[in-house]
Amino acid sequence: MYDEQEHICPHIPAPLPNFLEADIPVVPKKLLQVLVFALPLSLVSFAVLMGGSALARALGDPGGARALGWIAAAVLMLGLTDMILLITALGLQALAGPPPDPSGDPD
């Protein structure tokens, strides 16, 4: 019968423990909360800034409209980055499996 332990070279270090099987959370709960609450905040901020840009343009202030448009574009990029980070964090959390049962009952 084939035994893997007989053929392992002693000079090769032991593999690192799998972080997905650890009892510690992969993604801290506080980080998930920040990412979840920042997403609608950034989208609402983008809408308000675009509305301000349109209002400034209608009132004849092209410089202010351009500045608000650039700020709105930056806020939109932050929102997209937040969305990508949130999807990645939730994916890592899903790969880690369900959280351990607080009662200690395995069933």
C-alpha atoms as a PDB file:
ATOM      1  CA  MET A   1       0.000   0.000   0.000  1.00  0.00           C
ATOM      2  CA  TYR A   2       1.249   3.478  -0.857  1.00  0.00           C
ATOM      3  CA  ASP A   3       2.104   5.641   2.154  1.00  0.00           C
ATOM      4  CA  GLU A   4       2.685   9.322   1.464  1.00  0.00           C
ATOM      5  CA  GLN A   5       4.577   9.859   4.707  1.00  0.00           C
ATOM      6  CA  GLU A   6       7.389   7.489   3.636  1.00  0.00           C
ATOM      7  CA  HIS A   7       8.176   9.476   0.486  1.00  0.00           C
ATOM      8  CA  ILE A   8       8.211  13.002   1.888  1.00  0.00           C
ATOM      9  CA  CYS A   9      11.638  14.567   1.847  1.00  0.00           C
ATOM     10  CA  PRO A  10      12.690  15.741   5.340  1.00  0.00           C
ATOM     11  CA  HIS A  11      14.147  18.946   3.851  1.00  0.00           C
ATOM     12  CA  ILE A  12      10.758  20.159   2.605  1.00  0.00           C
ATOM     13  CA  PRO A  13       8.992  22.208   5.280  1.00  0.00           C
ATOM     14  CA  ALA A  14       5.582  21.178   6.500  1.00  0.00           C
ATOM     15  CA  PRO A  15       2.681  22.905   4.757  1.00  0.00           C
ATOM     16  CA  LEU A  16       1.197  25.950   6.406  1.00  0.00           C
ATOM     17  CA  PRO A  17      -2.133  25.459   8.150  1.00  0.00           C
ATOM     18  CA  ASN A  18      -5.176  26.117   6.014  1.00  0.00           C
ATOM     19  CA  PHE A  19      -6.627  29.507   6.993  1.00  0.00           C
ATOM     20  CA  LEU A  20     -10.057  28.406   5.811  1.00  0.00           C
ATOM     21  CA  GLU A  21     -10.226  25.687   8.477  1.00  0.00           C
ATOM     22  CA  ALA A  22      -9.219  27.951  11.354  1.00  0.00           C
ATOM     23  CA  ASP A  23     -11.640  29.056  14.040  1.00  0.00           C
ATOM     24  CA  ILE A  24     -10.825  32.719  13.457  1.00  0.00           C
ATOM     25  CA  PRO A  25     -12.911  34.638  10.911  1.00  0.00           C
ATOM     26  CA  VAL A  26     -11.311  35.172   7.517  1.00  0.00           C
ATOM     27  CA  VAL A  27     -12.814  38.630   7.135  1.00  0.00           C
ATOM     28  CA  PRO A  28     -13.406  40.671  10.295  1.00  0.00           C
ATOM     29  CA  LYS A  29     -17.030  41.570  10.949  1.00  0.00           C
ATOM     30  CA  LYS A  30     -16.127  45.248  11.365  1.00  0.00           C
ATOM     31  CA  LEU A  31     -14.632  45.349   7.846  1.00  0.00           C
ATOM     32  CA  LEU A  32     -17.778  43.831   6.372  1.00  0.00           C
ATOM     33  CA  GLN A  33     -19.899  46.402   8.200  1.00  0.00           C
ATOM     34  CA  VAL A  34     -17.793  49.271   6.875  1.00  0.00           C
ATOM     35  CA  LEU A  35     -17.954  47.963   3.303  1.00  0.00           C
ATOM     36  CA  VAL A  36     -21.714  47.371   3.457  1.00  0.00           C
ATOM     37  CA  PHE A  37     -22.524  50.814   4.866  1.00  0.00           C
ATOM     38  CA  ALA A  38     -20.073  52.649   2.601  1.00  0.00           C
ATOM     39  CA  LEU A  39     -21.629  51.325  -0.613  1.00  0.00           C
ATOM     40  CA  PRO A  40     -25.018  53.093  -0.432  1.00  0.00           C
ATOM     41  CA  LEU A  41     -23.353  56.161   1.061  1.00  0.00           C
ATOM     42  CA  SER A  42     -21.010  56.462  -1.910  1.00  0.00           C
ATOM     43  CA  LEU A  43     -23.824  55.924  -4.420  1.00  0.00           C
ATOM     44  CA  VAL A  44     -26.022  58.572  -2.785  1.00  0.00           C
ATOM     45  CA  SER A  45     -23.044  60.945  -2.652  1.00  0.00           C
ATOM     46  CA  PHE A  46     -22.455  60.363  -6.361  1.00  0.00           C
ATOM     47  CA  ALA A  47     -26.088  61.181  -7.154  1.00  0.00           C
ATOM     48  CA  VAL A  48     -26.038  64.353  -5.053  1.00  0.00           C
ATOM     49  CA  LEU A  49     -22.777  65.533  -6.622  1.00  0.00           C
ATOM     50  CA  MET A  50     -24.067  64.885 -10.142  1.00  0.00           C
ATOM     51  CA  GLY A  51     -27.232  66.798  -9.305  1.00  0.00           C
ATOM     52  CA  GLY A  52     -25.132  69.668  -7.972  1.00  0.00           C
ATOM     53  CA  SER A  53     -23.051  69.581 -11.119  1.00  0.00           C
ATOM     54  CA  ALA A  54     -26.165  69.788 -13.297  1.00  0.00           C
ATOM     55  CA  LEU A  55     -27.527  72.628 -11.191  1.00  0.00           C
ATOM     56  CA  ALA A  56     -24.265  74.558 -11.410  1.00  0.00           C
ATOM     57  CA  ARG A  57     -24.197  74.063 -15.190  1.00  0.00           C
ATOM     58  CA  ALA A  58     -27.816  75.282 -15.473  1.00  0.00           C
ATOM     59  CA  LEU A  59     -26.986  78.368 -13.409  1.00  0.00           C
ATOM     60  CA  GLY A  60     -24.079  79.232 -15.697  1.00  0.00           C
ATOM     61  CA  ASP A  61     -21.096  78.129 -13.580  1.00  0.00           C
ATOM     62  CA  PRO A  62     -19.068  75.843 -15.874  1.00  0.00           C
ATOM     63  CA  GLY A  63     -16.056  75.744 -13.541  1.00  0.00           C
ATOM     64  CA  GLY A  64     -18.123  74.643 -10.564  1.00  0.00           C
ATOM     65  CA  ALA A  65     -19.984  72.126 -12.696  1.00  0.00           C
ATOM     66  CA  ARG A  66     -16.711  70.665 -13.938  1.00  0.00           C
ATOM     67  CA  ALA A  67     -15.270  70.468 -10.394  1.00  0.00           C
ATOM     68  CA  LEU A  68     -18.395  68.766  -9.054  1.00  0.00           C
ATOM     69  CA  GLY A  69     -18.331  66.372 -12.009  1.00  0.00           C
ATOM     70  CA  TRP A  70     -14.727  65.378 -11.273  1.00  0.00           C
ATOM     71  CA  ILE A  71     -15.493  64.910  -7.586  1.00  0.00           C
ATOM     72  CA  ALA A  72     -18.535  62.817  -8.515  1.00  0.00           C
ATOM     73  CA  ALA A  73     -16.360  60.665 -10.785  1.00  0.00           C
ATOM     74  CA  ALA A  74     -13.898  60.108  -7.924  1.00  0.00           C
ATOM     75  CA  VAL A  75     -16.730  59.145  -5.557  1.00  0.00           C
ATOM     76  CA  LEU A  76     -18.073  56.737  -8.183  1.00  0.00           C
ATOM     77  CA  MET A  77     -14.640  55.091  -8.457  1.00  0.00           C
ATOM     78  CA  LEU A  78     -14.538  54.753  -4.666  1.00  0.00           C
ATOM     79  CA  GLY A  79     -17.983  53.150  -4.777  1.00  0.00           C
ATOM     80  CA  LEU A  80     -16.883  50.682  -7.449  1.00  0.00           C
ATOM     81  CA  THR A  81     -13.764  49.845  -5.446  1.00  0.00           C
ATOM     82  CA  ASP A  82     -15.940  49.323  -2.381  1.00  0.00           C
ATOM     83  CA  MET A  83     -18.221  47.018  -4.366  1.00  0.00           C
ATOM     84  CA  ILE A  84     -15.292  44.924  -5.606  1.00  0.00           C
ATOM     85  CA  LEU A  85     -13.839  44.684  -2.079  1.00  0.00           C
ATOM     86  CA  LEU A  86     -17.243  43.746  -0.664  1.00  0.00           C
ATOM     87  CA  ILE A  87     -17.760  40.978  -3.228  1.00  0.00           C
ATOM     88  CA  THR A  88     -14.242  39.676  -2.557  1.00  0.00           C
ATOM     89  CA  ALA A  89     -14.722  39.758   1.229  1.00  0.00           C
ATOM     90  CA  LEU A  90     -18.083  37.993   1.016  1.00  0.00           C
ATOM     91  CA  GLY A  91     -16.577  35.397  -1.316  1.00  0.00           C
ATOM     92  CA  LEU A  92     -13.770  34.674   1.142  1.00  0.00           C
ATOM     93  CA  GLN A  93     -16.307  34.478   3.945  1.00  0.00           C
ATOM     94  CA  ALA A  94     -18.390  31.998   1.924  1.00  0.00           C
ATOM     95  CA  LEU A  95     -15.325  29.854   1.216  1.00  0.00           C
ATOM     96  CA  ALA A  96     -14.579  29.705   4.939  1.00  0.00           C
ATOM     97  CA  GLY A  97     -17.919  27.999   5.507  1.00  0.00           C
ATOM     98  CA  PRO A  98     -20.636  28.676   8.026  1.00  0.00           C
ATOM     99  CA  PRO A  99     -19.635  30.210  11.350  1.00  0.00           C
ATOM    100  CA  PRO A 100     -19.259  27.792  14.239  1.00  0.00           C
ATOM    101  CA  ASP A 101     -22.370  27.122  16.269  1.00  0.00           C
ATOM    102  CA  PRO A 102     -22.203  29.157  19.499  1.00  0.00           C
ATOM    103  CA  SER A 103     -23.907  26.378  21.468  1.00  0.00           C
ATOM    104  CA  GLY A 104     -21.054  23.995  20.640  1.00  0.00           C
ATOM    105  CA  ASP A 105     -23.443  21.383  19.241  1.00  0.00           C
ATOM    106  CA  PRO A 106     -22.054  19.987  15.951  1.00  0.00           C
ATOM    107  CA  ASP A 107     -25.544  19.176  14.581  1.00  0.00           C
END
